[in-house]
Every structure is written in structure tokens, then in C-alpha cells.
Amino acid sequence: MEGVFSRGWLWLLLIPSVLGGLIGALLLSRTGNRNFIQLVPWLVLVATIIIVLRPILVRRDESGNVHPDITVALWPIAIAGIFLVGLYGGYFGSGIGILMIGALSFISRGDIRHVVALNNFLTLCMRGAAILVLVLQGDVNWNYGVPMAMGGLVGGYVGGMVSPRANRAVVRSIVIAIGFAASAYYFWKLYGPAVVQAGAE
């Protein structure tokens, strides 16, 4: 992320991400999170498939360039997509990293490690905005929130240190494996009990 804060395109991604997180958190504090549960495994699965197909869908660029490779005409679509991902992240959040990487895959054709780094930054800002809203609304259970925050900080720091030095194929494989594992977990959590019950009858 070195030097990118002076580039206007970063703000075109950051602002809708944070705004989506804020609005999503406000919706969550008023409606609950049951509305997205049915969609989670499908969203994560589709995003993971997009990452798998990224070399085919996106013209490859192995340079160190982190600048998005889209035309001016497509920027409104990119901004809207990032906003929707941010809205989902602030409202529900499950699998948000995979969804954000999937969306960013169409915006940046550079090294997957740059996409992961950009995802980490946008997700951090989006979740920070959402957490601020939920804290002010008094909707945070600190018995769960504190351990999760500590684990997230430690994991994020270690991942941020390792990712730039790791082989790009390894990083991509890890992202894909996590995506499929997460989607399988959510599918099982959503449909598994019914399948087990049907099999027992």
C-alpha cells in the first residue's frame, strides 16, 4: 500500500466501502441479521469461483503496478460493487474477505498479493466504521467481541507480514482453499441439520 494514499482511485474505493459499512451496521441494529443467512454460502461460493477463474476473466499483469485496470466508464459500476460489498460486510460480515477479493479481482489485474493487501485495507476501514456504529448503538457483546478483536489483530498482523513475501501461487491457493472451506461450512450449517434429519427418517 506504500504510496497509494496519494492516488485518487484509492478514495473511490475507500469511500463507498466505509459508507456501505456504516449503512449496513445501521440496518443491522434495526432489523437483525437473519435476512442474509440464506445468501451467505452462495455469495462466498460465487466469489471463490471468481477468484479461481481470475486468470481467465481478467487480463494478466505481472508487474508491480497496483493501479486499477478499468476504464473511466466502468468506475461507477466498480464503486457500486464495492459499496454493496461494504453494505453486506457492515450488515452481516461472514466471508467478507472472500467477497471483497472477488470484487477487487475485476478492478485490479495485478499480482494477487496486491489484491489481498487492498482487500485487507478496505475491509479494515469498512469494519471499523461498522463497529463504531454498533458500539454507539450498544449492540456489541464484549465477551465475544474482545477475543475476536484480539485474534483478528494478531492474525491480520501475521498475515500482513507473511503475504508480501509469500509465493503468489501459494497466496492464491490459500485464498481459494479458505473460500471453498468457508462456503462448505456455511452450506453445512444452513442445510446440514435438515439433511441429517432426513437421512435418519
C-alpha atoms as a PDB file:
ATOM      1  CA  MET A   1       0.000   0.000   0.000  1.00  0.00           C
ATOM      2  CA  GLU A   2       3.051   2.251   0.001  1.00  0.00           C
ATOM      3  CA  GLY A   3       2.367   5.488  -1.812  1.00  0.00           C
ATOM      4  CA  VAL A   4      -1.219   4.703  -2.796  1.00  0.00           C
ATOM      5  CA  PHE A   5      -2.818   7.214  -0.420  1.00  0.00           C
ATOM      6  CA  SER A   6      -1.807   9.998  -2.810  1.00  0.00           C
ATOM      7  CA  ARG A   7      -3.728   8.341  -5.635  1.00  0.00           C
ATOM      8  CA  GLY A   8      -7.317   9.389  -6.256  1.00  0.00           C
ATOM      9  CA  TRP A   9      -8.531   5.916  -7.213  1.00  0.00           C
ATOM     10  CA  LEU A  10      -7.986   4.612  -3.677  1.00  0.00           C
ATOM     11  CA  TRP A  11     -10.506   7.090  -2.333  1.00  0.00           C
ATOM     12  CA  LEU A  12     -13.007   5.969  -4.984  1.00  0.00           C
ATOM     13  CA  LEU A  13     -12.843   2.511  -3.387  1.00  0.00           C
ATOM     14  CA  LEU A  14     -12.411   3.559   0.237  1.00  0.00           C
ATOM     15  CA  ILE A  15     -15.380   5.946   0.487  1.00  0.00           C
ATOM     16  CA  PRO A  16     -18.067   3.521  -0.808  1.00  0.00           C
ATOM     17  CA  SER A  17     -16.572   0.726   1.295  1.00  0.00           C
ATOM     18  CA  VAL A  18     -16.790   2.768   4.511  1.00  0.00           C
ATOM     19  CA  LEU A  19     -20.189   4.209   3.588  1.00  0.00           C
ATOM     20  CA  GLY A  20     -21.529   0.712   2.898  1.00  0.00           C
ATOM     21  CA  GLY A  21     -20.200  -0.491   6.246  1.00  0.00           C
ATOM     22  CA  LEU A  22     -21.884   2.385   8.083  1.00  0.00           C
ATOM     23  CA  ILE A  23     -25.257   1.878   6.405  1.00  0.00           C
ATOM     24  CA  GLY A  24     -25.052  -1.911   6.800  1.00  0.00           C
ATOM     25  CA  ALA A  25     -24.374  -1.577  10.539  1.00  0.00           C
ATOM     26  CA  LEU A  26     -27.283   0.852  10.933  1.00  0.00           C
ATOM     27  CA  LEU A  27     -29.575  -1.621   9.145  1.00  0.00           C
ATOM     28  CA  LEU A  28     -28.314  -4.446  11.344  1.00  0.00           C
ATOM     29  CA  SER A  29     -29.020  -2.515  14.550  1.00  0.00           C
ATOM     30  CA  ARG A  30     -32.636  -2.069  13.434  1.00  0.00           C
ATOM     31  CA  THR A  31     -33.524  -5.299  11.638  1.00  0.00           C
ATOM     32  CA  GLY A  32     -31.270  -8.148  12.908  1.00  0.00           C
ATOM     33  CA  ASN A  33     -29.077 -10.335  10.682  1.00  0.00           C
ATOM     34  CA  ARG A  34     -31.411 -13.144   9.716  1.00  0.00           C
ATOM     35  CA  ASN A  35     -32.099 -11.681   6.260  1.00  0.00           C
ATOM     36  CA  PHE A  36     -28.652 -12.526   4.824  1.00  0.00           C
ATOM     37  CA  ILE A  37     -28.162 -16.010   6.304  1.00  0.00           C
ATOM     38  CA  GLN A  38     -29.646 -17.846   3.315  1.00  0.00           C
ATOM     39  CA  LEU A  39     -27.396 -15.940   0.904  1.00  0.00           C
ATOM     40  CA  VAL A  40     -24.062 -16.316   2.706  1.00  0.00           C
ATOM     41  CA  PRO A  41     -22.886 -19.722   1.374  1.00  0.00           C
ATOM     42  CA  TRP A  42     -23.884 -18.833  -2.189  1.00  0.00           C
ATOM     43  CA  LEU A  43     -22.178 -15.422  -2.088  1.00  0.00           C
ATOM     44  CA  VAL A  44     -18.958 -16.914  -0.715  1.00  0.00           C
ATOM     45  CA  LEU A  45     -19.027 -19.750  -3.264  1.00  0.00           C
ATOM     46  CA  VAL A  46     -19.562 -17.396  -6.218  1.00  0.00           C
ATOM     47  CA  ALA A  47     -16.774 -15.076  -5.012  1.00  0.00           C
ATOM     48  CA  THR A  48     -14.413 -18.039  -4.644  1.00  0.00           C
ATOM     49  CA  ILE A  49     -15.203 -19.267  -8.161  1.00  0.00           C
ATOM     50  CA  ILE A  50     -14.471 -15.753  -9.467  1.00  0.00           C
ATOM     51  CA  ILE A  51     -11.055 -15.897  -7.779  1.00  0.00           C
ATOM     52  CA  VAL A  52     -10.435 -19.339  -9.326  1.00  0.00           C
ATOM     53  CA  LEU A  53     -11.333 -18.002 -12.785  1.00  0.00           C
ATOM     54  CA  ARG A  54      -9.453 -14.719 -12.310  1.00  0.00           C
ATOM     55  CA  PRO A  55      -6.592 -15.664 -14.684  1.00  0.00           C
ATOM     56  CA  ILE A  56      -9.192 -16.301 -17.405  1.00  0.00           C
ATOM     57  CA  LEU A  57     -11.598 -13.440 -16.683  1.00  0.00           C
ATOM     58  CA  VAL A  58      -9.001 -10.733 -16.131  1.00  0.00           C
ATOM     59  CA  ARG A  59      -6.160  -9.858 -18.493  1.00  0.00           C
ATOM     60  CA  ARG A  60      -2.997 -10.723 -16.618  1.00  0.00           C
ATOM     61  CA  ASP A  61      -0.457  -8.168 -15.443  1.00  0.00           C
ATOM     62  CA  GLU A  62       2.547  -9.491 -13.529  1.00  0.00           C
ATOM     63  CA  SER A  63       4.077  -6.067 -12.980  1.00  0.00           C
ATOM     64  CA  GLY A  64       4.219  -4.376  -9.619  1.00  0.00           C
ATOM     65  CA  ASN A  65       1.515  -1.930 -10.688  1.00  0.00           C
ATOM     66  CA  VAL A  66      -1.340  -1.657  -8.171  1.00  0.00           C
ATOM     67  CA  HIS A  67      -3.411   0.807 -10.209  1.00  0.00           C
ATOM     68  CA  PRO A  68      -6.887  -0.469 -11.161  1.00  0.00           C
ATOM     69  CA  ASP A  69      -7.189  -1.534 -14.788  1.00  0.00           C
ATOM     70  CA  ILE A  70     -10.687  -0.329 -15.689  1.00  0.00           C
ATOM     71  CA  THR A  71     -11.956   2.420 -17.946  1.00  0.00           C
ATOM     72  CA  VAL A  72     -13.490   5.627 -16.643  1.00  0.00           C
ATOM     73  CA  ALA A  73     -16.908   4.472 -17.841  1.00  0.00           C
ATOM     74  CA  LEU A  74     -16.745   1.391 -15.611  1.00  0.00           C
ATOM     75  CA  TRP A  75     -15.813   3.254 -12.422  1.00  0.00           C
ATOM     76  CA  PRO A  76     -19.480   3.832 -11.382  1.00  0.00           C
ATOM     77  CA  ILE A  77     -20.057   0.067 -11.597  1.00  0.00           C
ATOM     78  CA  ALA A  78     -16.889  -0.612  -9.600  1.00  0.00           C
ATOM     79  CA  ILE A  79     -17.901   1.914  -6.933  1.00  0.00           C
ATOM     80  CA  ALA A  80     -21.407   0.449  -6.723  1.00  0.00           C
ATOM     81  CA  GLY A  81     -19.976  -3.067  -6.399  1.00  0.00           C
ATOM     82  CA  ILE A  82     -17.620  -2.078  -3.588  1.00  0.00           C
ATOM     83  CA  PHE A  83     -20.482  -0.251  -1.856  1.00  0.00           C
ATOM     84  CA  LEU A  84     -22.676  -3.369  -1.984  1.00  0.00           C
ATOM     85  CA  VAL A  85     -19.841  -5.500  -0.602  1.00  0.00           C
ATOM     86  CA  GLY A  86     -19.345  -2.922   2.158  1.00  0.00           C
ATOM     87  CA  LEU A  87     -23.091  -2.910   2.870  1.00  0.00           C
ATOM     88  CA  TYR A  88     -23.047  -6.677   3.242  1.00  0.00           C
ATOM     89  CA  GLY A  89     -19.926  -6.507   5.401  1.00  0.00           C
ATOM     90  CA  GLY A  90     -21.449  -3.975   7.779  1.00  0.00           C
ATOM     91  CA  TYR A  91     -24.738  -5.852   7.949  1.00  0.00           C
ATOM     92  CA  PHE A  92     -23.602  -9.461   8.214  1.00  0.00           C
ATOM     93  CA  GLY A  93     -19.899  -9.819   7.509  1.00  0.00           C
ATOM     94  CA  SER A  94     -19.460 -13.579   7.093  1.00  0.00           C
ATOM     95  CA  GLY A  95     -16.981 -14.315   4.308  1.00  0.00           C
ATOM     96  CA  ILE A  96     -16.467 -10.604   3.629  1.00  0.00           C
ATOM     97  CA  GLY A  97     -12.773 -11.042   2.803  1.00  0.00           C
ATOM     98  CA  ILE A  98     -13.512 -13.539   0.037  1.00  0.00           C
ATOM     99  CA  LEU A  99     -16.305 -11.345  -1.341  1.00  0.00           C
ATOM    100  CA  MET A 100     -14.077  -8.259  -1.361  1.00  0.00           C
ATOM    101  CA  ILE A 101     -11.240 -10.110  -3.106  1.00  0.00           C
ATOM    102  CA  GLY A 102     -13.732 -11.393  -5.667  1.00  0.00           C
ATOM    103  CA  ALA A 103     -14.943  -7.852  -6.368  1.00  0.00           C
ATOM    104  CA  LEU A 104     -11.433  -6.418  -6.493  1.00  0.00           C
ATOM    105  CA  SER A 105     -10.386  -9.150  -8.937  1.00  0.00           C
ATOM    106  CA  PHE A 106     -12.343  -7.337 -11.645  1.00  0.00           C
ATOM    107  CA  ILE A 107     -10.878  -3.964 -10.723  1.00  0.00           C
ATOM    108  CA  SER A 108      -7.168  -4.792 -10.450  1.00  0.00           C
ATOM    109  CA  ARG A 109      -5.408  -7.237 -12.759  1.00  0.00           C
ATOM    110  CA  GLY A 110      -2.102  -7.103 -10.896  1.00  0.00           C
ATOM    111  CA  ASP A 111      -0.457  -9.525  -8.507  1.00  0.00           C
ATOM    112  CA  ILE A 112      -2.935 -11.380  -6.269  1.00  0.00           C
ATOM    113  CA  ARG A 113      -0.851 -10.271  -3.281  1.00  0.00           C
ATOM    114  CA  HIS A 114      -1.644  -6.634  -4.106  1.00  0.00           C
ATOM    115  CA  VAL A 115      -5.338  -7.506  -4.328  1.00  0.00           C
ATOM    116  CA  VAL A 116      -5.165  -9.201  -0.911  1.00  0.00           C
ATOM    117  CA  ALA A 117      -3.396  -6.178   0.594  1.00  0.00           C
ATOM    118  CA  LEU A 118      -6.007  -3.804  -0.841  1.00  0.00           C
ATOM    119  CA  ASN A 119      -8.752  -6.094   0.459  1.00  0.00           C
ATOM    120  CA  ASN A 120      -7.252  -6.030   3.942  1.00  0.00           C
ATOM    121  CA  PHE A 121      -7.140  -2.241   3.968  1.00  0.00           C
ATOM    122  CA  LEU A 122     -10.680  -1.706   2.659  1.00  0.00           C
ATOM    123  CA  THR A 123     -12.123  -4.389   4.919  1.00  0.00           C
ATOM    124  CA  LEU A 124     -10.374  -2.895   7.953  1.00  0.00           C
ATOM    125  CA  CYS A 125     -11.835   0.559   7.265  1.00  0.00           C
ATOM    126  CA  MET A 126     -15.283  -0.812   6.460  1.00  0.00           C
ATOM    127  CA  ARG A 127     -15.441  -2.987   9.568  1.00  0.00           C
ATOM    128  CA  GLY A 128     -14.031  -0.200  11.713  1.00  0.00           C
ATOM    129  CA  ALA A 129     -16.883   2.066  10.606  1.00  0.00           C
ATOM    130  CA  ALA A 130     -19.447  -0.677  11.222  1.00  0.00           C
ATOM    131  CA  ILE A 131     -18.018  -1.490  14.661  1.00  0.00           C
ATOM    132  CA  LEU A 132     -18.162   2.180  15.639  1.00  0.00           C
ATOM    133  CA  VAL A 133     -21.874   2.288  14.799  1.00  0.00           C
ATOM    134  CA  LEU A 134     -22.603  -0.941  16.693  1.00  0.00           C
ATOM    135  CA  VAL A 135     -20.641   0.217  19.747  1.00  0.00           C
ATOM    136  CA  LEU A 136     -22.518   3.519  19.825  1.00  0.00           C
ATOM    137  CA  GLN A 137     -25.801   1.603  19.460  1.00  0.00           C
ATOM    138  CA  GLY A 138     -24.846  -0.690  22.344  1.00  0.00           C
ATOM    139  CA  ASP A 139     -25.146  -3.825  20.204  1.00  0.00           C
ATOM    140  CA  VAL A 140     -21.706  -5.340  20.942  1.00  0.00           C
ATOM    141  CA  ASN A 141     -21.351  -8.364  23.222  1.00  0.00           C
ATOM    142  CA  TRP A 142     -17.898  -7.679  24.658  1.00  0.00           C
ATOM    143  CA  ASN A 143     -17.499 -11.246  25.946  1.00  0.00           C
ATOM    144  CA  TYR A 144     -17.206 -12.319  22.316  1.00  0.00           C
ATOM    145  CA  GLY A 145     -16.048  -9.040  20.818  1.00  0.00           C
ATOM    146  CA  VAL A 146     -12.773  -8.647  22.711  1.00  0.00           C
ATOM    147  CA  PRO A 147     -11.353 -12.153  21.955  1.00  0.00           C
ATOM    148  CA  MET A 148     -12.420 -11.848  18.311  1.00  0.00           C
ATOM    149  CA  ALA A 149     -10.796  -8.415  18.014  1.00  0.00           C
ATOM    150  CA  MET A 150      -7.555  -9.666  19.541  1.00  0.00           C
ATOM    151  CA  GLY A 151      -7.489 -12.713  17.275  1.00  0.00           C
ATOM    152  CA  GLY A 152      -8.224 -10.555  14.245  1.00  0.00           C
ATOM    153  CA  LEU A 153      -5.447  -8.102  15.073  1.00  0.00           C
ATOM    154  CA  VAL A 154      -2.857 -10.829  15.632  1.00  0.00           C
ATOM    155  CA  GLY A 155      -3.924 -12.792  12.550  1.00  0.00           C
ATOM    156  CA  GLY A 156      -4.024  -9.653  10.411  1.00  0.00           C
ATOM    157  CA  TYR A 157      -0.571  -8.582  11.530  1.00  0.00           C
ATOM    158  CA  VAL A 158       0.971 -12.006  10.897  1.00  0.00           C
ATOM    159  CA  GLY A 159      -0.799 -12.332   7.556  1.00  0.00           C
ATOM    160  CA  GLY A 160       0.313  -8.853   6.515  1.00  0.00           C
ATOM    161  CA  MET A 161       3.921  -9.730   7.319  1.00  0.00           C
ATOM    162  CA  VAL A 162       3.855 -13.073   5.506  1.00  0.00           C
ATOM    163  CA  SER A 163       1.737 -12.275   2.431  1.00  0.00           C
ATOM    164  CA  PRO A 164       4.137  -9.875   0.621  1.00  0.00           C
ATOM    165  CA  ARG A 165       6.966 -12.414   0.954  1.00  0.00           C
ATOM    166  CA  ALA A 166       4.952 -15.484   0.005  1.00  0.00           C
ATOM    167  CA  ASN A 167       4.787 -17.007  -3.460  1.00  0.00           C
ATOM    168  CA  ARG A 168       1.822 -15.559  -5.386  1.00  0.00           C
ATOM    169  CA  ALA A 169       0.592 -19.039  -6.357  1.00  0.00           C
ATOM    170  CA  VAL A 170       0.650 -20.076  -2.699  1.00  0.00           C
ATOM    171  CA  VAL A 171      -1.277 -16.948  -1.667  1.00  0.00           C
ATOM    172  CA  ARG A 172      -3.884 -17.558  -4.367  1.00  0.00           C
ATOM    173  CA  SER A 173      -4.211 -21.230  -3.387  1.00  0.00           C
ATOM    174  CA  ILE A 174      -4.677 -20.328   0.283  1.00  0.00           C
ATOM    175  CA  VAL A 175      -7.349 -17.754  -0.567  1.00  0.00           C
ATOM    176  CA  ILE A 176      -9.200 -20.272  -2.739  1.00  0.00           C
ATOM    177  CA  ALA A 177      -8.947 -23.021  -0.103  1.00  0.00           C
ATOM    178  CA  ILE A 178     -10.323 -20.700   2.583  1.00  0.00           C
ATOM    179  CA  GLY A 179     -13.135 -19.638   0.258  1.00  0.00           C
ATOM    180  CA  PHE A 180     -14.270 -23.182  -0.520  1.00  0.00           C
ATOM    181  CA  ALA A 181     -13.883 -24.247   3.125  1.00  0.00           C
ATOM    182  CA  ALA A 182     -15.945 -21.266   4.303  1.00  0.00           C
ATOM    183  CA  SER A 183     -18.696 -21.873   1.754  1.00  0.00           C
ATOM    184  CA  ALA A 184     -18.820 -25.578   2.667  1.00  0.00           C
ATOM    185  CA  TYR A 185     -19.068 -24.656   6.364  1.00  0.00           C
ATOM    186  CA  TYR A 186     -21.943 -22.232   5.770  1.00  0.00           C
ATOM    187  CA  PHE A 187     -23.740 -24.702   3.485  1.00  0.00           C
ATOM    188  CA  TRP A 188     -23.463 -27.379   6.181  1.00  0.00           C
ATOM    189  CA  LYS A 189     -24.520 -25.002   8.935  1.00  0.00           C
ATOM    190  CA  LEU A 190     -27.547 -23.943   6.916  1.00  0.00           C
ATOM    191  CA  TYR A 191     -28.639 -27.240   5.350  1.00  0.00           C
ATOM    192  CA  GLY A 192     -26.736 -29.926   7.260  1.00  0.00           C
ATOM    193  CA  PRO A 193     -29.205 -30.471  10.141  1.00  0.00           C
ATOM    194  CA  ALA A 194     -32.079 -30.913   7.703  1.00  0.00           C
ATOM    195  CA  VAL A 195     -30.066 -33.397   5.634  1.00  0.00           C
ATOM    196  CA  VAL A 196     -29.098 -35.411   8.715  1.00  0.00           C
ATOM    197  CA  GLN A 197     -32.675 -35.409   9.950  1.00  0.00           C
ATOM    198  CA  ALA A 198     -33.998 -36.512   6.542  1.00  0.00           C
ATOM    199  CA  GLY A 199     -31.410 -39.302   6.401  1.00  0.00           C
ATOM    200  CA  ALA A 200     -32.420 -40.546   9.834  1.00  0.00           C
ATOM    201  CA  GLU A 201     -36.076 -40.896   8.896  1.00  0.00           C
END
